[in-house]
N, C-alpha and C. Protein backbone atom coordinates (compact mmCIF):
# COMPACT_ATOMS: atom_id res chain seq x y z
N UNK A 1 10.71 -4.83 0.19
CA UNK A 1 10.20 -5.77 -0.80
C UNK A 1 8.67 -5.77 -0.79
N UNK A 2 8.09 -5.86 0.39
CA UNK A 2 6.64 -5.86 0.49
C UNK A 2 6.06 -4.57 -0.07
N UNK A 3 6.71 -3.47 0.24
CA UNK A 3 6.23 -2.18 -0.23
C UNK A 3 6.28 -2.12 -1.75
N UNK A 4 7.36 -2.61 -2.32
CA UNK A 4 7.52 -2.59 -3.77
C UNK A 4 6.43 -3.43 -4.42
N UNK A 5 6.15 -4.59 -3.82
CA UNK A 5 5.13 -5.47 -4.35
C UNK A 5 3.77 -4.79 -4.30
N UNK A 6 3.48 -4.14 -3.19
CA UNK A 6 2.21 -3.45 -3.04
C UNK A 6 2.08 -2.34 -4.08
N UNK A 7 3.17 -1.59 -4.28
CA UNK A 7 3.16 -0.51 -5.26
C UNK A 7 2.85 -1.05 -6.65
N UNK A 8 3.52 -2.13 -7.02
CA UNK A 8 3.33 -2.71 -8.35
C UNK A 8 1.90 -3.20 -8.52
N UNK A 9 1.39 -3.89 -7.51
CA UNK A 9 0.05 -4.45 -7.57
C UNK A 9 -0.99 -3.34 -7.67
N UNK A 10 -0.87 -2.34 -6.81
CA UNK A 10 -1.85 -1.27 -6.79
C UNK A 10 -1.69 -0.32 -7.96
N UNK A 11 -0.47 -0.22 -8.51
CA UNK A 11 -0.22 0.65 -9.65
C UNK A 11 -1.04 0.18 -10.84
N UNK A 12 -1.28 -1.12 -10.95
CA UNK A 12 -2.07 -1.66 -12.04
C UNK A 12 -3.55 -1.33 -11.85
N UNK A 13 -3.94 -1.08 -10.63
CA UNK A 13 -5.34 -0.77 -10.33
C UNK A 13 -5.60 0.72 -10.46
N UNK A 14 -6.88 1.10 -10.36
CA UNK A 14 -7.24 2.52 -10.45
C UNK A 14 -6.75 3.25 -9.20
N UNK A 15 -6.30 4.49 -9.37
CA UNK A 15 -5.85 5.28 -8.23
C UNK A 15 -4.54 4.78 -7.66
N UNK A 16 -3.74 4.13 -8.49
CA UNK A 16 -2.47 3.59 -8.02
C UNK A 16 -1.55 4.69 -7.51
N UNK A 17 -1.57 5.83 -8.21
CA UNK A 17 -0.70 6.93 -7.81
C UNK A 17 -1.02 7.40 -6.40
N UNK A 18 -2.29 7.42 -6.06
CA UNK A 18 -2.70 7.85 -4.72
C UNK A 18 -2.16 6.88 -3.68
N UNK A 19 -2.25 5.59 -3.98
CA UNK A 19 -1.78 4.57 -3.05
C UNK A 19 -0.28 4.71 -2.85
N UNK A 20 0.46 4.92 -3.96
CA UNK A 20 1.91 5.05 -3.88
C UNK A 20 2.27 6.25 -2.99
N UNK A 21 1.56 7.37 -3.17
CA UNK A 21 1.81 8.55 -2.35
C UNK A 21 1.58 8.20 -0.88
N UNK A 22 0.50 7.48 -0.60
CA UNK A 22 0.18 7.11 0.78
C UNK A 22 1.30 6.25 1.36
N UNK A 23 1.80 5.30 0.55
CA UNK A 23 2.88 4.43 1.01
C UNK A 23 4.13 5.25 1.30
N UNK A 24 4.42 6.24 0.43
CA UNK A 24 5.60 7.08 0.64
C UNK A 24 5.48 7.84 1.96
N UNK A 25 4.30 8.33 2.26
CA UNK A 25 4.09 9.08 3.51
C UNK A 25 4.30 8.15 4.70
N UNK A 26 3.75 6.94 4.61
CA UNK A 26 3.90 5.98 5.70
C UNK A 26 5.37 5.59 5.86
N UNK A 27 6.06 5.47 4.74
CA UNK A 27 7.47 5.08 4.78
C UNK A 27 8.29 6.15 5.49
N UNK A 28 7.93 7.42 5.27
CA UNK A 28 8.66 8.52 5.89
C UNK A 28 8.46 8.52 7.41
N UNK A 29 7.31 7.99 7.84
CA UNK A 29 7.02 7.95 9.27
C UNK A 29 7.73 6.76 9.91
N UNK A 30 8.72 7.05 10.74
CA UNK A 30 9.49 5.97 11.36
C UNK A 30 8.76 5.39 12.58
N UNK A 31 7.71 6.06 13.02
CA UNK A 31 6.99 5.60 14.20
C UNK A 31 6.28 4.27 13.93
N UNK A 32 5.88 4.05 12.68
CA UNK A 32 5.17 2.82 12.32
C UNK A 32 5.90 2.12 11.18
N UNK A 33 6.17 0.82 11.30
CA UNK A 33 6.85 0.07 10.24
C UNK A 33 6.05 0.12 8.94
N UNK A 34 6.75 0.20 7.81
CA UNK A 34 6.09 0.28 6.52
C UNK A 34 5.23 -0.94 6.26
N UNK A 35 5.79 -2.12 6.56
CA UNK A 35 5.05 -3.36 6.32
C UNK A 35 3.74 -3.36 7.09
N UNK A 36 3.76 -2.86 8.32
CA UNK A 36 2.55 -2.83 9.14
C UNK A 36 1.53 -1.87 8.54
N UNK A 37 2.00 -0.72 8.07
CA UNK A 37 1.11 0.28 7.48
C UNK A 37 0.42 -0.29 6.25
N UNK A 38 1.23 -0.93 5.39
CA UNK A 38 0.68 -1.52 4.17
C UNK A 38 -0.33 -2.60 4.53
N UNK A 39 0.02 -3.39 5.54
CA UNK A 39 -0.86 -4.47 5.96
C UNK A 39 -2.20 -3.91 6.44
N UNK A 40 -2.14 -2.84 7.23
CA UNK A 40 -3.36 -2.22 7.74
C UNK A 40 -4.21 -1.70 6.58
N UNK A 41 -3.54 -1.11 5.58
CA UNK A 41 -4.27 -0.57 4.43
C UNK A 41 -4.95 -1.70 3.67
N UNK A 42 -4.22 -2.80 3.46
CA UNK A 42 -4.78 -3.93 2.73
C UNK A 42 -5.98 -4.52 3.45
N UNK A 43 -5.91 -4.58 4.78
CA UNK A 43 -7.00 -5.17 5.55
C UNK A 43 -8.28 -4.36 5.38
N UNK A 44 -8.14 -3.05 5.07
CA UNK A 44 -9.31 -2.20 4.93
C UNK A 44 -9.69 -2.00 3.46
N UNK A 45 -8.70 -1.65 2.63
CA UNK A 45 -8.99 -1.31 1.23
C UNK A 45 -8.48 -2.35 0.24
N UNK A 46 -7.51 -3.15 0.65
CA UNK A 46 -6.88 -4.07 -0.28
C UNK A 46 -7.69 -5.31 -0.61
N UNK A 47 -8.63 -5.68 0.24
CA UNK A 47 -9.39 -6.91 0.01
C UNK A 47 -10.05 -6.96 -1.37
N UNK A 48 -10.80 -5.94 -1.77
CA UNK A 48 -11.44 -5.97 -3.10
C UNK A 48 -10.42 -6.12 -4.22
N UNK A 49 -9.26 -5.45 -4.10
CA UNK A 49 -8.24 -5.52 -5.15
C UNK A 49 -7.65 -6.92 -5.22
N UNK A 50 -7.43 -7.53 -4.06
CA UNK A 50 -6.84 -8.87 -4.03
C UNK A 50 -7.82 -9.89 -4.59
N UNK A 51 -9.11 -9.69 -4.35
CA UNK A 51 -10.13 -10.63 -4.83
C UNK A 51 -10.34 -10.47 -6.32
N UNK A 52 -10.05 -9.28 -6.87
CA UNK A 52 -10.26 -9.00 -8.29
C UNK A 52 -9.55 -10.02 -9.15
């Protein structure tokens, strides 16, 4: 659910396709939870988008 929400939110922004690809790669990696990966990404790159 979180991943889907992130995809939808970022898809509306510029470079959404790149973000979706990144999420797909993280999802394939079972070593790190998807939610944690998305959270880490948001903490670094997501702040400007969320403030927009």
